[in-house]
PDB file of N, CA and C in Angstrom:
ATOM      1  N   MET A   1      13.548  73.250  68.543  1.00  0.00           N
ATOM      2  CA  MET A   1      14.164  74.393  69.182  1.00  0.00           C
ATOM      3  C   MET A   1      15.144  73.892  70.250  1.00  0.00           C
ATOM      4  N   SER A   2      16.305  74.546  70.352  1.00  0.00           N
ATOM      5  CA  SER A   2      17.262  74.190  71.390  1.00  0.00           C
ATOM      6  C   SER A   2      17.824  75.450  72.024  1.00  0.00           C
ATOM      7  N   ILE A   3      18.088  75.366  73.320  1.00  0.00           N
ATOM      8  CA  ILE A   3      18.668  76.489  74.043  1.00  0.00           C
ATOM      9  C   ILE A   3      20.174  76.372  73.917  1.00  0.00           C
ATOM     10  N   VAL A   4      20.817  77.448  73.466  1.00  0.00           N
ATOM     11  CA  VAL A   4      22.248  77.384  73.232  1.00  0.00           C
ATOM     12  C   VAL A   4      23.049  77.880  74.427  1.00  0.00           C
ATOM     13  N   ASP A   5      22.711  79.040  74.994  1.00  0.00           N
ATOM     14  CA  ASP A   5      23.580  79.567  76.038  1.00  0.00           C
ATOM     15  C   ASP A   5      22.867  80.105  77.259  1.00  0.00           C
ATOM     16  N   ARG A   6      21.748  80.766  77.138  1.00  0.00           N
ATOM     17  CA  ARG A   6      21.097  81.396  78.286  1.00  0.00           C
ATOM     18  C   ARG A   6      20.834  80.415  79.417  1.00  0.00           C
ATOM     19  N   LYS A   7      20.492  79.176  79.088  1.00  0.00           N
ATOM     20  CA  LYS A   7      20.244  78.164  80.118  1.00  0.00           C
ATOM     21  C   LYS A   7      21.484  77.990  80.993  1.00  0.00           C
ATOM     22  N   LYS A   8      22.661  78.168  80.424  1.00  0.00           N
ATOM     23  CA  LYS A   8      23.893  77.964  81.162  1.00  0.00           C
ATOM     24  C   LYS A   8      24.240  79.157  82.042  1.00  0.00           C
ATOM     25  N   ASP A   9      23.366  80.156  82.122  1.00  0.00           N
ATOM     26  CA  ASP A   9      23.585  81.249  83.058  1.00  0.00           C
ATOM     27  C   ASP A   9      23.156  80.839  84.461  1.00  0.00           C
ATOM     28  N   MET A  10      22.752  79.571  84.592  1.00  0.00           N
ATOM     29  CA  MET A  10      22.445  79.012  85.892  1.00  0.00           C
ATOM     30  C   MET A  10      23.232  77.708  86.030  1.00  0.00           C
ATOM     31  N   ILE A  11      23.862  77.534  87.170  1.00  0.00           N
ATOM     32  CA  ILE A  11      24.639  76.330  87.446  1.00  0.00           C
ATOM     33  C   ILE A  11      23.847  75.486  88.434  1.00  0.00           C
ATOM     34  N   ASN A  12      23.744  74.191  88.151  1.00  0.00           N
ATOM     35  CA  ASN A  12      23.090  73.274  89.076  1.00  0.00           C
ATOM     36  C   ASN A  12      24.188  72.543  89.831  1.00  0.00           C
ATOM     37  N   ARG A  13      24.445  72.985  91.045  1.00  0.00           N
ATOM     38  CA  ARG A  13      25.517  72.408  91.865  1.00  0.00           C
ATOM     39  C   ARG A  13      24.882  71.516  92.921  1.00  0.00           C
ATOM     40  N   GLY A  14      24.855  70.233  92.646  1.00  0.00           N
ATOM     41  CA  GLY A  14      24.308  69.275  93.607  1.00  0.00           C
ATOM     42  C   GLY A  14      22.866  69.549  93.975  1.00  0.00           C
ATOM     43  N   GLY A  15      22.064  70.016  93.026  1.00  0.00           N
ATOM     44  CA  GLY A  15      20.658  70.303  93.282  1.00  0.00           C
ATOM     45  C   GLY A  15      20.388  71.736  93.704  1.00  0.00           C
ATOM     46  N   GLU A  16      21.420  72.504  93.971  1.00  0.00           N
ATOM     47  CA  GLU A  16      21.275  73.928  94.329  1.00  0.00           C
ATOM     48  C   GLU A  16      21.479  74.780  93.072  1.00  0.00           C
ATOM     49  N   ASN A  17      20.613  75.747  92.861  1.00  0.00           N
ATOM     50  CA  ASN A  17      20.752  76.648  91.718  1.00  0.00           C
ATOM     51  C   ASN A  17      21.666  77.815  92.064  1.00  0.00           C
ATOM     52  N   VAL A  18      22.649  78.038  91.212  1.00  0.00           N
ATOM     53  CA  VAL A  18      23.579  79.155  91.377  1.00  0.00           C
ATOM     54  C   VAL A  18      23.455  80.011  90.118  1.00  0.00           C
ATOM     55  N   TYR A  19      23.035  81.253  90.290  1.00  0.00           N
ATOM     56  CA  TYR A  19      22.904  82.157  89.155  1.00  0.00           C
ATOM     57  C   TYR A  19      24.238  82.839  88.912  1.00  0.00           C
ATOM     58  N   CYS A  20      24.769  82.654  87.706  1.00  0.00           N
ATOM     59  CA  CYS A  20      26.091  83.163  87.358  1.00  0.00           C
ATOM     60  C   CYS A  20      26.210  84.658  87.622  1.00  0.00           C
ATOM     61  N   VAL A  21      25.188  85.423  87.269  1.00  0.00           N
ATOM     62  CA  VAL A  21      25.260  86.879  87.426  1.00  0.00           C
ATOM     63  C   VAL A  21      25.414  87.282  88.886  1.00  0.00           C
ATOM     64  N   GLU A  22      24.832  86.535  89.807  1.00  0.00           N
ATOM     65  CA  GLU A  22      24.969  86.842  91.231  1.00  0.00           C
ATOM     66  C   GLU A  22      26.425  86.692  91.687  1.00  0.00           C
ATOM     67  N   VAL A  23      27.067  85.613  91.252  1.00  0.00           N
ATOM     68  CA  VAL A  23      28.464  85.371  91.611  1.00  0.00           C
ATOM     69  C   VAL A  23      29.366  86.386  90.903  1.00  0.00           C
ATOM     70  N   GLU A  24      29.056  86.672  89.636  1.00  0.00           N
ATOM     71  CA  GLU A  24      29.837  87.665  88.881  1.00  0.00           C
ATOM     72  C   GLU A  24      29.781  89.032  89.559  1.00  0.00           C
ATOM     73  N   ASN A  25      28.599  89.440  89.996  1.00  0.00           N
ATOM     74  CA  ASN A  25      28.459  90.737  90.667  1.00  0.00           C
ATOM     75  C   ASN A  25      29.239  90.790  91.973  1.00  0.00           C
ATOM     76  N   ALA A  26      29.227  89.694  92.719  1.00  0.00           N
ATOM     77  CA  ALA A  26      29.973  89.655  93.982  1.00  0.00           C
ATOM     78  C   ALA A  26      31.471  89.786  93.726  1.00  0.00           C
ATOM     79  N   LEU A  27      31.992  89.049  92.755  1.00  0.00           N
ATOM     80  CA  LEU A  27      33.425  89.110  92.459  1.00  0.00           C
ATOM     81  C   LEU A  27      33.822  90.440  91.812  1.00  0.00           C
ATOM     82  N   ALA A  28      32.942  90.995  90.993  1.00  0.00           N
ATOM     83  CA  ALA A  28      33.240  92.265  90.318  1.00  0.00           C
ATOM     84  C   ALA A  28      33.396  93.410  91.311  1.00  0.00           C
ATOM     85  N   ALA A  29      32.866  93.260  92.505  1.00  0.00           N
ATOM     86  CA  ALA A  29      32.986  94.303  93.528  1.00  0.00           C
ATOM     87  C   ALA A  29      34.381  94.344  94.150  1.00  0.00           C
ATOM     88  N   HIS A  30      35.189  93.316  93.914  1.00  0.00           N
ATOM     89  CA  HIS A  30      36.555  93.292  94.454  1.00  0.00           C
ATOM     90  C   HIS A  30      37.413  94.299  93.682  1.00  0.00           C
ATOM     91  N   PRO A  31      38.231  95.093  94.368  1.00  0.00           N
ATOM     92  CA  PRO A  31      39.000  96.152  93.695  1.00  0.00           C
ATOM     93  C   PRO A  31      40.038  95.670  92.685  1.00  0.00           C
ATOM     94  N   ASP A  32      40.458  94.408  92.732  1.00  0.00           N
ATOM     95  CA  ASP A  32      41.442  93.904  91.770  1.00  0.00           C
ATOM     96  C   ASP A  32      40.816  93.336  90.503  1.00  0.00           C
ATOM     97  N   VAL A  33      39.476  93.195  90.484  1.00  0.00           N
ATOM     98  CA  VAL A  33      38.794  92.536  89.366  1.00  0.00           C
ATOM     99  C   VAL A  33      38.329  93.552  88.335  1.00  0.00           C
ATOM    100  N   GLY A  34      38.793  93.355  87.101  1.00  0.00           N
ATOM    101  CA  GLY A  34      38.358  94.196  85.988  1.00  0.00           C
ATOM    102  C   GLY A  34      37.151  93.593  85.283  1.00  0.00           C
ATOM    103  N   GLU A  35      37.249  92.310  84.960  1.00  0.00           N
ATOM    104  CA  GLU A  35      36.168  91.578  84.305  1.00  0.00           C
ATOM    105  C   GLU A  35      36.071  90.205  84.964  1.00  0.00           C
ATOM    106  N   VAL A  36      34.872  89.641  84.939  1.00  0.00           N
ATOM    107  CA  VAL A  36      34.690  88.295  85.481  1.00  0.00           C
ATOM    108  C   VAL A  36      33.544  87.599  84.746  1.00  0.00           C
ATOM    109  N   ALA A  37      33.712  86.315  84.530  1.00  0.00           N
ATOM    110  CA  ALA A  37      32.648  85.479  83.982  1.00  0.00           C
ATOM    111  C   ALA A  37      32.594  84.210  84.813  1.00  0.00           C
ATOM    112  N   VAL A  38      31.397  83.750  85.123  1.00  0.00           N
ATOM    113  CA  VAL A  38      31.207  82.547  85.924  1.00  0.00           C
ATOM    114  C   VAL A  38      30.569  81.481  85.041  1.00  0.00           C
ATOM    115  N   ILE A  39      31.121  80.276  85.153  1.00  0.00           N
ATOM    116  CA  ILE A  39      30.736  79.166  84.282  1.00  0.00           C
ATOM    117  C   ILE A  39      30.590  77.906  85.129  1.00  0.00           C
ATOM    118  N   GLY A  40      29.665  77.042  84.744  1.00  0.00           N
ATOM    119  CA  GLY A  40      29.543  75.736  85.386  1.00  0.00           C
ATOM    120  C   GLY A  40      30.632  74.805  84.877  1.00  0.00           C
ATOM    121  N   VAL A  41      31.379  74.224  85.796  1.00  0.00           N
ATOM    122  CA  VAL A  41      32.440  73.276  85.454  1.00  0.00           C
ATOM    123  C   VAL A  41      31.897  71.873  85.724  1.00  0.00           C
ATOM    124  N   PRO A  42      31.866  71.006  84.695  1.00  0.00           N
ATOM    125  CA  PRO A  42      31.314  69.659  84.894  1.00  0.00           C
ATOM    126  C   PRO A  42      32.014  68.908  86.025  1.00  0.00           C
ATOM    127  N   ASP A  43      31.209  68.208  86.827  1.00  0.00           N
ATOM    128  CA  ASP A  43      31.730  67.429  87.946  1.00  0.00           C
ATOM    129  C   ASP A  43      30.899  66.154  88.060  1.00  0.00           C
ATOM    130  N   SER A  44      31.578  65.019  88.149  1.00  0.00           N
ATOM    131  CA  SER A  44      30.862  63.741  88.164  1.00  0.00           C
ATOM    132  C   SER A  44      30.003  63.553  89.409  1.00  0.00           C
ATOM    133  N   MET A  45      30.396  64.141  90.523  1.00  0.00           N
ATOM    134  CA  MET A  45      29.627  63.958  91.761  1.00  0.00           C
ATOM    135  C   MET A  45      28.540  65.021  91.942  1.00  0.00           C
ATOM    136  N   MET A  46      28.881  66.286  91.704  1.00  0.00           N
ATOM    137  CA  MET A  46      27.956  67.388  91.970  1.00  0.00           C
ATOM    138  C   MET A  46      27.140  67.803  90.749  1.00  0.00           C
ATOM    139  N   GLY A  47      27.461  67.286  89.584  1.00  0.00           N
ATOM    140  CA  GLY A  47      26.816  67.733  88.349  1.00  0.00           C
ATOM    141  C   GLY A  47      27.633  68.863  87.747  1.00  0.00           C
ATOM    142  N   GLU A  48      27.709  69.971  88.481  1.00  0.00           N
ATOM    143  CA  GLU A  48      28.547  71.105  88.091  1.00  0.00           C
ATOM    144  C   GLU A  48      29.094  71.756  89.351  1.00  0.00           C
ATOM    145  N   LYS A  49      30.239  72.393  89.183  1.00  0.00           N
ATOM    146  CA  LYS A  49      30.797  73.228  90.240  1.00  0.00           C
ATOM    147  C   LYS A  49      30.962  74.625  89.675  1.00  0.00           C
ATOM    148  N   VAL A  50      31.113  75.591  90.549  1.00  0.00           N
ATOM    149  CA  VAL A  50      31.196  76.992  90.141  1.00  0.00           C
ATOM    150  C   VAL A  50      32.641  77.338  89.793  1.00  0.00           C
ATOM    151  N   GLY A  51      32.821  77.846  88.569  1.00  0.00           N
ATOM    152  CA  GLY A  51      34.137  78.285  88.120  1.00  0.00           C
ATOM    153  C   GLY A  51      34.078  79.746  87.700  1.00  0.00           C
ATOM    154  N   ALA A  52      35.123  80.497  88.015  1.00  0.00           N
ATOM    155  CA  ALA A  52      35.176  81.911  87.661  1.00  0.00           C
ATOM    156  C   ALA A  52      36.448  82.191  86.866  1.00  0.00           C
ATOM    157  N   VAL A  53      36.293  82.987  85.815  1.00  0.00           N
ATOM    158  CA  VAL A  53      37.430  83.460  85.030  1.00  0.00           C
ATOM    159  C   VAL A  53      37.531  84.952  85.297  1.00  0.00           C
ATOM    160  N   VAL A  54      38.680  85.389  85.816  1.00  0.00           N
ATOM    161  CA  VAL A  54      38.870  86.771  86.240  1.00  0.00           C
ATOM    162  C   VAL A  54      39.957  87.431  85.404  1.00  0.00           C
ATOM    163  N   VAL A  55      39.646  88.620  84.901  1.00  0.00           N
ATOM    164  CA  VAL A  55      40.637  89.465  84.246  1.00  0.00           C
ATOM    165  C   VAL A  55      40.918  90.613  85.212  1.00  0.00           C
ATOM    166  N   PRO A  56      42.185  90.756  85.644  1.00  0.00           N
ATOM    167  CA  PRO A  56      42.501  91.801  86.628  1.00  0.00           C
ATOM    168  C   PRO A  56      42.385  93.209  86.059  1.00  0.00           C
ATOM    169  N   ARG A  57      42.182  94.173  86.950  1.00  0.00           N
ATOM    170  CA  ARG A  57      42.274  95.583  86.565  1.00  0.00           C
ATOM    171  C   ARG A  57      43.728  95.850  86.199  1.00  0.00           C
ATOM    172  N   PRO A  58      43.974  96.797  85.307  1.00  0.00           N
ATOM    173  CA  PRO A  58      45.360  97.115  84.939  1.00  0.00           C
ATOM    174  C   PRO A  58      46.198  97.445  86.176  1.00  0.00           C
ATOM    175  N   GLY A  59      47.378  96.835  86.237  1.00  0.00           N
ATOM    176  CA  GLY A  59      48.287  97.091  87.340  1.00  0.00           C
ATOM    177  C   GLY A  59      47.986  96.338  88.613  1.00  0.00           C
ATOM    178  N   ARG A  60      46.958  95.507  88.619  1.00  0.00           N
ATOM    179  CA  ARG A  60      46.571  94.746  89.819  1.00  0.00           C
ATOM    180  C   ARG A  60      46.894  93.268  89.619  1.00  0.00           C
ATOM    181  N   THR A  61      47.153  92.584  90.705  1.00  0.00           N
ATOM    182  CA  THR A  61      47.415  91.145  90.680  1.00  0.00           C
ATOM    183  C   THR A  61      46.550  90.486  91.743  1.00  0.00           C
ATOM    184  N   PRO A  62      45.368  90.021  91.348  1.00  0.00           N
ATOM    185  CA  PRO A  62      44.483  89.412  92.344  1.00  0.00           C
ATOM    186  C   PRO A  62      45.024  88.082  92.855  1.00  0.00           C
ATOM    187  N   ASP A  63      44.790  87.822  94.128  1.00  0.00           N
ATOM    188  CA  ASP A  63      45.147  86.564  94.758  1.00  0.00           C
ATOM    189  C   ASP A  63      43.896  85.686  94.793  1.00  0.00           C
ATOM    190  N   VAL A  64      44.031  84.456  94.309  1.00  0.00           N
ATOM    191  CA  VAL A  64      42.875  83.557  94.221  1.00  0.00           C
ATOM    192  C   VAL A  64      42.247  83.323  95.595  1.00  0.00           C
ATOM    193  N   GLY A  65      43.061  83.093  96.599  1.00  0.00           N
ATOM    194  CA  GLY A  65      42.540  82.880  97.952  1.00  0.00           C
ATOM    195  C   GLY A  65      41.776  84.082  98.466  1.00  0.00           C
ATOM    196  N   GLU A  66      42.304  85.272  98.174  1.00  0.00           N
ATOM    197  CA  GLU A  66      41.636  86.507  98.594  1.00  0.00           C
ATOM    198  C   GLU A  66      40.301  86.681  97.864  1.00  0.00           C
ATOM    199  N   LEU A  67      40.272  86.327  96.576  1.00  0.00           N
ATOM    200  CA  LEU A  67      39.027  86.434  95.807  1.00  0.00           C
ATOM    201  C   LEU A  67      37.956  85.491  96.335  1.00  0.00           C
ATOM    202  N   THR A  68      38.337  84.253  96.650  1.00  0.00           N
ATOM    203  CA  THR A  68      37.335  83.317  97.161  1.00  0.00           C
ATOM    204  C   THR A  68      36.876  83.717  98.561  1.00  0.00           C
ATOM    205  N   ALA A  69      37.776  84.244  99.373  1.00  0.00           N
ATOM    206  CA  ALA A  69      37.384  84.726 100.705  1.00  0.00           C
ATOM    207  C   ALA A  69      36.434  85.916 100.581  1.00  0.00           C
ATOM    208  N   PHE A  70      36.708  86.800  99.638  1.00  0.00           N
ATOM    209  CA  PHE A  70      35.849  87.956  99.384  1.00  0.00           C
ATOM    210  C   PHE A  70      34.462  87.478  98.945  1.00  0.00           C
ATOM    211  N   ALA A  71      34.428  86.502  98.030  1.00  0.00           N
ATOM    212  CA  ALA A  71      33.147  85.962  97.559  1.00  0.00           C
ATOM    213  C   ALA A  71      32.382  85.315  98.716  1.00  0.00           C
ATOM    214  N   ALA A  72      33.099  84.627  99.603  1.00  0.00           N
ATOM    215  CA  ALA A  72      32.456  83.951 100.736  1.00  0.00           C
ATOM    216  C   ALA A  72      31.797  84.929 101.699  1.00  0.00           C
ATOM    217  N   GLU A  73      32.280  86.177 101.725  1.00  0.00           N
ATOM    218  CA  GLU A  73      31.665  87.198 102.582  1.00  0.00           C
ATOM    219  C   GLU A  73      30.333  87.680 102.018  1.00  0.00           C
ATOM    220  N   HIS A  74      30.122  87.482 100.713  1.00  0.00           N
ATOM    221  CA  HIS A  74      28.946  88.032 100.037  1.00  0.00           C
ATOM    222  C   HIS A  74      27.968  86.982  99.506  1.00  0.00           C
ATOM    223  N   LEU A  75      28.379  85.709  99.536  1.00  0.00           N
ATOM    224  CA  LEU A  75      27.563  84.653  98.929  1.00  0.00           C
ATOM    225  C   LEU A  75      27.395  83.474  99.892  1.00  0.00           C
ATOM    226  N   ALA A  76      26.355  82.688  99.659  1.00  0.00           N
ATOM    227  CA  ALA A  76      26.193  81.433 100.387  1.00  0.00           C
ATOM    228  C   ALA A  76      27.352  80.505 100.009  1.00  0.00           C
ATOM    229  N   ASP A  77      27.706  79.607 100.912  1.00  0.00           N
ATOM    230  CA  ASP A  77      28.861  78.719 100.693  1.00  0.00           C
ATOM    231  C   ASP A  77      28.816  77.983  99.359  1.00  0.00           C
ATOM    232  N   PHE A  78      27.645  77.461  98.983  1.00  0.00           N
ATOM    233  CA  PHE A  78      27.563  76.669  97.757  1.00  0.00           C
ATOM    234  C   PHE A  78      27.713  77.508  96.490  1.00  0.00           C
ATOM    235  N   LYS A  79      27.683  78.831  96.615  1.00  0.00           N
ATOM    236  CA  LYS A  79      27.835  79.719  95.462  1.00  0.00           C
ATOM    237  C   LYS A  79      29.269  80.213  95.261  1.00  0.00           C
ATOM    238  N   VAL A  80      30.118  80.014  96.246  1.00  0.00           N
ATOM    239  CA  VAL A  80      31.508  80.471  96.159  1.00  0.00           C
ATOM    240  C   VAL A  80      32.241  79.615  95.125  1.00  0.00           C
ATOM    241  N   PRO A  81      32.961  80.231  94.191  1.00  0.00           N
ATOM    242  CA  PRO A  81      33.652  79.448  93.155  1.00  0.00           C
ATOM    243  C   PRO A  81      34.659  78.455  93.739  1.00  0.00           C
ATOM    244  N   GLN A  82      34.595  77.232  93.243  1.00  0.00           N
ATOM    245  CA  GLN A  82      35.565  76.214  93.621  1.00  0.00           C
ATOM    246  C   GLN A  82      36.811  76.319  92.744  1.00  0.00           C
ATOM    247  N   PHE A  83      36.637  76.914  91.567  1.00  0.00           N
ATOM    248  CA  PHE A  83      37.731  77.095  90.620  1.00  0.00           C
ATOM    249  C   PHE A  83      37.810  78.566  90.238  1.00  0.00           C
ATOM    250  N   VAL A  84      39.019  79.115  90.253  1.00  0.00           N
ATOM    251  CA  VAL A  84      39.233  80.496  89.807  1.00  0.00           C
ATOM    252  C   VAL A  84      40.443  80.498  88.889  1.00  0.00           C
ATOM    253  N   VAL A  85      40.257  81.050  87.699  1.00  0.00           N
ATOM    254  CA  VAL A  85      41.340  81.183  86.725  1.00  0.00           C
ATOM    255  C   VAL A  85      41.578  82.668  86.502  1.00  0.00           C
ATOM    256  N   ILE A  86      42.830  83.095  86.618  1.00  0.00           N
ATOM    257  CA  ILE A  86      43.199  84.479  86.317  1.00  0.00           C
ATOM    258  C   ILE A  86      43.649  84.505  84.865  1.00  0.00           C
ATOM    259  N   ARG A  87      43.061  85.386  84.095  1.00  0.00           N
ATOM    260  CA  ARG A  87      43.312  85.454  82.652  1.00  0.00           C
ATOM    261  C   ARG A  87      43.838  86.840  82.304  1.00  0.00           C
ATOM    262  N   SER A  88      44.916  86.896  81.537  1.00  0.00           N
ATOM    263  CA  SER A  88      45.502  88.195  81.198  1.00  0.00           C
ATOM    264  C   SER A  88      44.793  88.871  80.025  1.00  0.00           C
ATOM    265  N   GLU A  89      44.247  88.081  79.094  1.00  0.00           N
ATOM    266  CA  GLU A  89      43.565  88.698  77.963  1.00  0.00           C
ATOM    267  C   GLU A  89      42.096  88.968  78.288  1.00  0.00           C
ATOM    268  N   PRO A  90      41.500  89.957  77.611  1.00  0.00           N
ATOM    269  CA  PRO A  90      40.077  90.271  77.855  1.00  0.00           C
ATOM    270  C   PRO A  90      39.181  89.063  77.566  1.00  0.00           C
ATOM    271  N   LEU A  91      38.020  89.051  78.192  1.00  0.00           N
ATOM    272  CA  LEU A  91      37.053  87.985  77.945  1.00  0.00           C
ATOM    273  C   LEU A  91      36.544  88.083  76.508  1.00  0.00           C
ATOM    274  N   PRO A  92      36.296  86.938  75.855  1.00  0.00           N
ATOM    275  CA  PRO A  92      35.775  86.978  74.485  1.00  0.00           C
ATOM    276  C   PRO A  92      34.339  87.503  74.490  1.00  0.00           C
ATOM    277  N   ARG A  93      34.067  88.428  73.585  1.00  0.00           N
ATOM    278  CA  ARG A  93      32.730  89.037  73.515  1.00  0.00           C
ATOM    279  C   ARG A  93      32.234  89.071  72.076  1.00  0.00           C
ATOM    280  N   ASN A  94      30.897  89.107  71.937  1.00  0.00           N
ATOM    281  CA  ASN A  94      30.316  89.267  70.603  1.00  0.00           C
ATOM    282  C   ASN A  94      30.231  90.749  70.276  1.00  0.00           C
ATOM    283  N   ALA A  95      29.702  91.077  69.113  1.00  0.00           N
ATOM    284  CA  ALA A  95      29.621  92.475  68.678  1.00  0.00           C
ATOM    285  C   ALA A  95      28.766  93.322  69.612  1.00  0.00           C
ATOM    286  N   GLY A  96      27.822  92.707  70.305  1.00  0.00           N
ATOM    287  CA  GLY A  96      26.959  93.424  71.241  1.00  0.00           C
ATOM    288  C   GLY A  96      27.570  93.579  72.628  1.00  0.00           C
ATOM    289  N   GLY A  97      28.761  93.011  72.836  1.00  0.00           N
ATOM    290  CA  GLY A  97      29.439  93.148  74.118  1.00  0.00           C
ATOM    291  C   GLY A  97      29.172  92.029  75.112  1.00  0.00           C
ATOM    292  N   LYS A  98      28.352  91.038  74.729  1.00  0.00           N
ATOM    293  CA  LYS A  98      28.035  89.924  75.631  1.00  0.00           C
ATOM    294  C   LYS A  98      29.202  88.935  75.648  1.00  0.00           C
ATOM    295  N   VAL A  99      29.553  88.469  76.842  1.00  0.00           N
ATOM    296  CA  VAL A  99      30.631  87.489  76.976  1.00  0.00           C
ATOM    297  C   VAL A  99      30.225  86.195  76.284  1.00  0.00           C
ATOM    298  N   LEU A 100      31.122  85.662  75.486  1.00  0.00           N
ATOM    299  CA  LEU A 100      30.882  84.408  74.770  1.00  0.00           C
ATOM    300  C   LEU A 100      31.305  83.246  75.683  1.00  0.00           C
ATOM    301  N   LYS A 101      30.384  82.840  76.538  1.00  0.00           N
ATOM    302  CA  LYS A 101      30.706  81.809  77.525  1.00  0.00           C
ATOM    303  C   LYS A 101      31.042  80.458  76.901  1.00  0.00           C
ATOM    304  N   PRO A 102      30.392  80.047  75.798  1.00  0.00           N
ATOM    305  CA  PRO A 102      30.809  78.773  75.186  1.00  0.00           C
ATOM    306  C   PRO A 102      32.279  78.813  74.740  1.00  0.00           C
ATOM    307  N   SER A 103      32.714  79.925  74.165  1.00  0.00           N
ATOM    308  CA  SER A 103      34.119  80.061  73.762  1.00  0.00           C
ATOM    309  C   SER A 103      35.020  80.058  74.979  1.00  0.00           C
ATOM    310  N   LEU A 104      34.628  80.776  76.006  1.00  0.00           N
ATOM    311  CA  LEU A 104      35.411  80.855  77.228  1.00  0.00           C
ATOM    312  C   LEU A 104      35.518  79.481  77.889  1.00  0.00           C
ATOM    313  N   ARG A 105      34.427  78.726  77.855  1.00  0.00           N
ATOM    314  CA  ARG A 105      34.400  77.377  78.419  1.00  0.00           C
ATOM    315  C   ARG A 105      35.440  76.491  77.718  1.00  0.00           C
ATOM    316  N   GLU A 106      35.525  76.619  76.389  1.00  0.00           N
ATOM    317  CA  GLU A 106      36.475  75.831  75.602  1.00  0.00           C
ATOM    318  C   GLU A 106      37.914  76.281  75.838  1.00  0.00           C
ATOM    319  N   GLN A 107      38.145  77.565  76.026  1.00  0.00           N
ATOM    320  CA  GLN A 107      39.486  78.123  76.163  1.00  0.00           C
ATOM    321  C   GLN A 107      40.091  77.915  77.545  1.00  0.00           C
ATOM    322  N   THR A 108      39.278  77.652  78.545  1.00  0.00           N
ATOM    323  CA  THR A 108      39.753  77.618  79.933  1.00  0.00           C
ATOM    324  C   THR A 108      40.161  76.211  80.345  1.00  0.00           C
ATOM    325  N   ASP A 109      41.364  76.107  80.912  1.00  0.00           N
ATOM    326  CA  ASP A 109      41.859  74.841  81.425  1.00  0.00           C
ATOM    327  C   ASP A 109      41.561  74.779  82.922  1.00  0.00           C
ATOM    328  N   TRP A 110      40.479  74.115  83.273  1.00  0.00           N
ATOM    329  CA  TRP A 110      40.054  74.038  84.674  1.00  0.00           C
ATOM    330  C   TRP A 110      40.973  73.157  85.496  1.00  0.00           C
ATOM    331  N   GLN A 111      41.756  72.297  84.837  1.00  0.00           N
ATOM    332  CA  GLN A 111      42.674  71.408  85.555  1.00  0.00           C
ATOM    333  C   GLN A 111      43.764  72.203  86.293  1.00  0.00           C
ATOM    334  N   THR A 112      44.109  73.379  85.756  1.00  0.00           N
ATOM    335  CA  THR A 112      45.152  74.182  86.382  1.00  0.00           C
ATOM    336  C   THR A 112      44.569  75.234  87.333  1.00  0.00           C
ATOM    337  N   ALA A 113      43.250  75.292  87.405  1.00  0.00           N
ATOM    338  CA  ALA A 113      42.594  76.294  88.271  1.00  0.00           C
ATOM    339  C   ALA A 113      42.775  75.925  89.729  1.00  0.00           C
ATOM    340  N   ARG A 114      42.757  76.949  90.582  1.00  0.00           N
ATOM    341  CA  ARG A 114      42.838  76.718  92.034  1.00  0.00           C
ATOM    342  C   ARG A 114      41.508  77.016  92.663  1.00  0.00           C
TER     343      ARG A 114
END
C-alpha cells in the first residue's frame, strides 16, 4: 500500500507541521483570491517550504506582497507561504471537484515565484 496524495496535505517545514488547508483558508479570506491551493515546495535545507498557487477573483489583480502580509496576520510565521504564484487558469480538479495537487505541482514553476 502507498499513500498517493493525502499525506501531502501536510508540509514538513524544518520539523514544523504546516497543514495546507489552514493556509488555504487564510489566503481564501483575502478579497482578491478566487481559488487557492497550498503545496510543499522541496527545499534542501528545510525539507519543504510553503508554496501557494492563487487564482484571482474575476476583475481582481492580487499583489503577492499584500497576500503574504495578509497571511502573516492570520498565521504563524513558519506557515506563511515563501512562494506565491498567481495563475490565470482555474486549478486542475478531478470529477469530484478536488484539486489535483500532483498535477498542479508539476505545472507550477516555483523558480519564477516570489
